[in-house]
Amino acid sequence: MKTDKDFDAVKMMREIRDKHHKEYSKNPQLREERLAAIRKKYAAKIKNQETANN
């Protein structure tokens, strides 16, 4: 399938997914480390939102 789009979001997401799959296949602990960092980063934001909504 050939497209002439300037920006193909689906293709970009597939490439990102494939890249992450390769990284995590080589190092499964990396996924857990990244998820923990994301949870830590956004936990404070979510907590602040819940406080503001109450």
C-alpha atoms as a PDB file:
ATOM      1  CA  MET A   1       0.000   0.000   0.000  1.00  0.00           C
ATOM      2  CA  LYS A   2       1.500   3.295  -1.096  1.00  0.00           C
ATOM      3  CA  THR A   3       0.390   6.664   0.264  1.00  0.00           C
ATOM      4  CA  ASP A   4       1.403  10.156  -0.750  1.00  0.00           C
ATOM      5  CA  LYS A   5       0.681  11.746   2.613  1.00  0.00           C
ATOM      6  CA  ASP A   6       3.008  14.379   4.039  1.00  0.00           C
ATOM      7  CA  PHE A   7       2.473  12.940   7.508  1.00  0.00           C
ATOM      8  CA  ASP A   8       1.328   9.371   8.145  1.00  0.00           C
ATOM      9  CA  ALA A   9       0.400   9.027  11.818  1.00  0.00           C
ATOM     10  CA  VAL A  10      -0.412   5.319  11.573  1.00  0.00           C
ATOM     11  CA  LYS A  11       2.989   4.551  10.068  1.00  0.00           C
ATOM     12  CA  MET A  12       4.712   6.624  12.741  1.00  0.00           C
ATOM     13  CA  MET A  13       2.872   4.814  15.555  1.00  0.00           C
ATOM     14  CA  ARG A  14       3.731   1.417  14.063  1.00  0.00           C
ATOM     15  CA  GLU A  15       7.401   2.379  13.914  1.00  0.00           C
ATOM     16  CA  ILE A  16       7.349   3.547  17.536  1.00  0.00           C
ATOM     17  CA  ARG A  17       5.565   0.368  18.637  1.00  0.00           C
ATOM     18  CA  ASP A  18       8.060  -1.822  16.790  1.00  0.00           C
ATOM     19  CA  LYS A  19      11.020   0.094  18.222  1.00  0.00           C
ATOM     20  CA  HIS A  20       9.698  -0.269  21.774  1.00  0.00           C
ATOM     21  CA  HIS A  21       8.954  -3.949  21.231  1.00  0.00           C
ATOM     22  CA  LYS A  22      12.561  -4.560  20.188  1.00  0.00           C
ATOM     23  CA  GLU A  23      13.911  -2.594  23.165  1.00  0.00           C
ATOM     24  CA  TYR A  24      11.693  -4.401  25.662  1.00  0.00           C
ATOM     25  CA  SER A  25      12.424  -7.813  24.144  1.00  0.00           C
ATOM     26  CA  LYS A  26      16.124  -7.243  24.760  1.00  0.00           C
ATOM     27  CA  ASN A  27      15.624  -5.729  28.226  1.00  0.00           C
ATOM     28  CA  PRO A  28      12.238  -6.513  29.894  1.00  0.00           C
ATOM     29  CA  GLN A  29      13.181  -4.553  33.013  1.00  0.00           C
ATOM     30  CA  LEU A  30      13.402  -1.371  30.935  1.00  0.00           C
ATOM     31  CA  ARG A  31       9.622  -1.398  30.423  1.00  0.00           C
ATOM     32  CA  GLU A  32       8.976  -1.593  34.157  1.00  0.00           C
ATOM     33  CA  GLU A  33      11.447   1.223  34.837  1.00  0.00           C
ATOM     34  CA  ARG A  34       9.841   3.481  32.256  1.00  0.00           C
ATOM     35  CA  LEU A  35       6.326   2.738  33.488  1.00  0.00           C
ATOM     36  CA  ALA A  36       7.374   3.457  37.076  1.00  0.00           C
ATOM     37  CA  ALA A  37       8.829   6.811  36.013  1.00  0.00           C
ATOM     38  CA  ILE A  38       5.631   7.713  34.162  1.00  0.00           C
ATOM     39  CA  ARG A  39       3.475   6.732  37.148  1.00  0.00           C
ATOM     40  CA  LYS A  40       5.631   8.849  39.450  1.00  0.00           C
ATOM     41  CA  LYS A  41       5.514  11.821  37.067  1.00  0.00           C
ATOM     42  CA  TYR A  42       1.753  11.814  36.639  1.00  0.00           C
ATOM     43  CA  ALA A  43       0.694  10.687  40.131  1.00  0.00           C
ATOM     44  CA  ALA A  44       1.113  14.205  41.507  1.00  0.00           C
ATOM     45  CA  LYS A  45      -0.849  15.734  38.628  1.00  0.00           C
ATOM     46  CA  ILE A  46      -3.711  13.276  39.072  1.00  0.00           C
ATOM     47  CA  LYS A  47      -3.748  13.836  42.824  1.00  0.00           C
ATOM     48  CA  ASN A  48      -3.886  17.613  42.304  1.00  0.00           C
ATOM     49  CA  GLN A  49      -6.771  17.246  39.846  1.00  0.00           C
ATOM     50  CA  GLU A  50      -8.755  15.118  42.297  1.00  0.00           C
ATOM     51  CA  THR A  51      -8.173  17.674  45.056  1.00  0.00           C
ATOM     52  CA  ALA A  52      -9.268  20.542  42.804  1.00  0.00           C
ATOM     53  CA  ASN A  53     -12.430  18.719  41.746  1.00  0.00           C
ATOM     54  CA  ASN A  54     -13.566  18.070  45.335  1.00  0.00           C
END
